[in-house]
Amino acid sequence: MAMMRPRTNRDDYHTMSREQQVNLIRLRTGHNRLNAHMNRKFKLAPSPTCACGQEDQTAEHILQRCPLLDEERKEVWPSPTPLQTKLYGSRQELEKTTFITSAGLIV
């Protein structure tokens, strides 16, 4: 069966570690441990709002706008970078999303 054959070429996503792949998929799908999902889906967070208080804590908010992570984000992406590039770009861009875990958030 074609589905059972091993992958012969490896794209950037498939060359990453398993942990990096899991975190990236969680960010891409929104099925993660950020407040928005944990509150709406499981009622395990008291509120969907981010600690910054400005909007819901989603992957987009964390990767693009959260003022609490401005400095860390600017170290990783010195110039404005679209969310699409951060989540689906080259391996170099994909690996930069790990700043979230180094900032103390669990995805």
C-alpha atoms as a PDB file:
ATOM      1  CA  MET A   1       0.000   0.000   0.000  1.00  0.00           C
ATOM      2  CA  ALA A   2       1.209   3.482  -0.821  1.00  0.00           C
ATOM      3  CA  MET A   3       0.266   4.781   2.619  1.00  0.00           C
ATOM      4  CA  MET A   4       2.640   2.360   4.354  1.00  0.00           C
ATOM      5  CA  ARG A   5       5.757   3.239   2.365  1.00  0.00           C
ATOM      6  CA  PRO A   6       8.359   5.286   4.220  1.00  0.00           C
ATOM      7  CA  ARG A   7       8.687   8.919   3.259  1.00  0.00           C
ATOM      8  CA  THR A   8      11.542   9.324   0.773  1.00  0.00           C
ATOM      9  CA  ASN A   9      11.881  13.104   0.948  1.00  0.00           C
ATOM     10  CA  ARG A  10      11.704  15.063   4.176  1.00  0.00           C
ATOM     11  CA  ASP A  11      10.314  18.557   4.328  1.00  0.00           C
ATOM     12  CA  ASP A  12      11.391  21.050   6.988  1.00  0.00           C
ATOM     13  CA  TYR A  13       8.634  20.006   9.403  1.00  0.00           C
ATOM     14  CA  HIS A  14       9.637  16.336   9.249  1.00  0.00           C
ATOM     15  CA  THR A  15      13.292  17.065   9.994  1.00  0.00           C
ATOM     16  CA  MET A  16      12.414  18.639  13.341  1.00  0.00           C
ATOM     17  CA  SER A  17      12.432  16.748  16.640  1.00  0.00           C
ATOM     18  CA  ARG A  18       9.237  15.058  17.791  1.00  0.00           C
ATOM     19  CA  GLU A  19       8.808  17.629  20.582  1.00  0.00           C
ATOM     20  CA  GLN A  20       9.158  20.505  18.105  1.00  0.00           C
ATOM     21  CA  GLN A  21       6.641  18.872  15.768  1.00  0.00           C
ATOM     22  CA  VAL A  22       4.103  18.394  18.573  1.00  0.00           C
ATOM     23  CA  ASN A  23       4.409  22.007  19.718  1.00  0.00           C
ATOM     24  CA  LEU A  24       4.085  23.277  16.162  1.00  0.00           C
ATOM     25  CA  ILE A  25       0.975  21.185  15.465  1.00  0.00           C
ATOM     26  CA  ARG A  26      -0.562  22.443  18.713  1.00  0.00           C
ATOM     27  CA  LEU A  27       0.096  26.034  17.664  1.00  0.00           C
ATOM     28  CA  ARG A  28      -1.237  25.446  14.145  1.00  0.00           C
ATOM     29  CA  THR A  29      -4.464  23.741  15.210  1.00  0.00           C
ATOM     30  CA  GLY A  30      -5.281  25.696  18.365  1.00  0.00           C
ATOM     31  CA  HIS A  31      -5.510  22.449  20.354  1.00  0.00           C
ATOM     32  CA  ASN A  32      -3.008  23.505  22.982  1.00  0.00           C
ATOM     33  CA  ARG A  33      -2.651  24.428  26.633  1.00  0.00           C
ATOM     34  CA  LEU A  34      -3.125  28.153  26.180  1.00  0.00           C
ATOM     35  CA  ASN A  35      -5.965  29.770  28.149  1.00  0.00           C
ATOM     36  CA  ALA A  36      -8.380  30.235  25.235  1.00  0.00           C
ATOM     37  CA  HIS A  37      -8.508  26.522  24.437  1.00  0.00           C
ATOM     38  CA  MET A  38      -8.293  25.270  28.017  1.00  0.00           C
ATOM     39  CA  ASN A  39     -11.164  27.528  29.095  1.00  0.00           C
ATOM     40  CA  ARG A  40     -13.527  27.002  26.174  1.00  0.00           C
ATOM     41  CA  LYS A  41     -12.958  23.321  25.588  1.00  0.00           C
ATOM     42  CA  PHE A  42     -12.289  21.901  29.037  1.00  0.00           C
ATOM     43  CA  LYS A  43     -13.143  24.671  31.551  1.00  0.00           C
ATOM     44  CA  LEU A  44      -9.689  24.105  33.094  1.00  0.00           C
ATOM     45  CA  ALA A  45      -8.615  27.747  32.901  1.00  0.00           C
ATOM     46  CA  PRO A  46     -10.624  30.370  34.795  1.00  0.00           C
ATOM     47  CA  SER A  47     -10.683  32.657  31.750  1.00  0.00           C
ATOM     48  CA  PRO A  48      -9.662  32.548  28.071  1.00  0.00           C
ATOM     49  CA  THR A  49      -7.872  35.879  28.561  1.00  0.00           C
ATOM     50  CA  CYS A  50      -4.092  36.185  28.444  1.00  0.00           C
ATOM     51  CA  ALA A  51      -2.201  37.372  31.523  1.00  0.00           C
ATOM     52  CA  CYS A  52      -1.680  40.682  29.694  1.00  0.00           C
ATOM     53  CA  GLY A  53      -5.456  41.232  29.933  1.00  0.00           C
ATOM     54  CA  GLN A  54      -5.762  42.536  26.371  1.00  0.00           C
ATOM     55  CA  GLU A  55      -7.272  39.574  24.521  1.00  0.00           C
ATOM     56  CA  ASP A  56      -7.726  35.820  24.544  1.00  0.00           C
ATOM     57  CA  GLN A  57      -4.537  33.795  24.913  1.00  0.00           C
ATOM     58  CA  THR A  58      -4.328  32.090  21.524  1.00  0.00           C
ATOM     59  CA  ALA A  59      -1.333  31.043  19.446  1.00  0.00           C
ATOM     60  CA  GLU A  60      -1.835  34.075  17.209  1.00  0.00           C
ATOM     61  CA  HIS A  61      -1.930  36.440  20.197  1.00  0.00           C
ATOM     62  CA  ILE A  62       1.234  34.942  21.701  1.00  0.00           C
ATOM     63  CA  LEU A  63       3.150  34.822  18.412  1.00  0.00           C
ATOM     64  CA  GLN A  64       2.047  38.238  17.142  1.00  0.00           C
ATOM     65  CA  ARG A  65       0.764  40.713  19.721  1.00  0.00           C
ATOM     66  CA  CYS A  66       1.126  39.839  23.409  1.00  0.00           C
ATOM     67  CA  PRO A  67       2.827  42.828  25.087  1.00  0.00           C
ATOM     68  CA  LEU A  68       4.251  40.570  27.815  1.00  0.00           C
ATOM     69  CA  LEU A  69       6.352  38.776  25.189  1.00  0.00           C
ATOM     70  CA  ASP A  70       7.344  41.790  23.059  1.00  0.00           C
ATOM     71  CA  GLU A  71      11.022  41.680  24.009  1.00  0.00           C
ATOM     72  CA  GLU A  72      11.376  37.929  23.463  1.00  0.00           C
ATOM     73  CA  ARG A  73       9.501  38.124  20.160  1.00  0.00           C
ATOM     74  CA  LYS A  74      11.676  41.007  18.907  1.00  0.00           C
ATOM     75  CA  GLU A  75      14.825  39.045  19.753  1.00  0.00           C
ATOM     76  CA  VAL A  76      13.590  36.147  17.633  1.00  0.00           C
ATOM     77  CA  TRP A  77      11.898  38.170  14.862  1.00  0.00           C
ATOM     78  CA  PRO A  78      13.499  41.658  14.757  1.00  0.00           C
ATOM     79  CA  SER A  79      11.186  42.765  11.930  1.00  0.00           C
ATOM     80  CA  PRO A  80       7.442  42.119  11.630  1.00  0.00           C
ATOM     81  CA  THR A  81       6.832  38.565  10.398  1.00  0.00           C
ATOM     82  CA  PRO A  82       3.438  37.202   9.274  1.00  0.00           C
ATOM     83  CA  LEU A  83       1.874  34.424  11.348  1.00  0.00           C
ATOM     84  CA  GLN A  84       1.803  32.224   8.228  1.00  0.00           C
ATOM     85  CA  THR A  85       5.609  32.411   7.997  1.00  0.00           C
ATOM     86  CA  LYS A  86       6.045  31.637  11.687  1.00  0.00           C
ATOM     87  CA  LEU A  87       3.863  28.513  11.502  1.00  0.00           C
ATOM     88  CA  TYR A  88       4.491  27.264   7.952  1.00  0.00           C
ATOM     89  CA  GLY A  89       7.804  28.815   6.848  1.00  0.00           C
ATOM     90  CA  SER A  90      11.273  27.371   6.561  1.00  0.00           C
ATOM     91  CA  ARG A  91      12.765  25.203   9.280  1.00  0.00           C
ATOM     92  CA  GLN A  92      14.639  28.238  10.595  1.00  0.00           C
ATOM     93  CA  GLU A  93      11.314  30.087  11.043  1.00  0.00           C
ATOM     94  CA  LEU A  94       9.571  27.042  12.509  1.00  0.00           C
ATOM     95  CA  GLU A  95      12.276  26.576  15.124  1.00  0.00           C
ATOM     96  CA  LYS A  96      11.886  30.179  16.277  1.00  0.00           C
ATOM     97  CA  THR A  97       8.450  29.360  17.702  1.00  0.00           C
ATOM     98  CA  THR A  98      10.256  27.624  20.569  1.00  0.00           C
ATOM     99  CA  PHE A  99      10.642  31.060  22.166  1.00  0.00           C
ATOM    100  CA  ILE A 100       7.185  30.362  23.634  1.00  0.00           C
ATOM    101  CA  THR A 101       8.464  27.543  25.833  1.00  0.00           C
ATOM    102  CA  SER A 102      11.595  29.477  26.773  1.00  0.00           C
ATOM    103  CA  ALA A 103       9.265  32.310  27.860  1.00  0.00           C
ATOM    104  CA  GLY A 104       7.643  29.888  30.307  1.00  0.00           C
ATOM    105  CA  LEU A 105       4.443  29.003  28.439  1.00  0.00           C
ATOM    106  CA  ILE A 106       3.356  25.408  27.985  1.00  0.00           C
ATOM    107  CA  VAL A 107       1.910  24.670  24.597  1.00  0.00           C
END
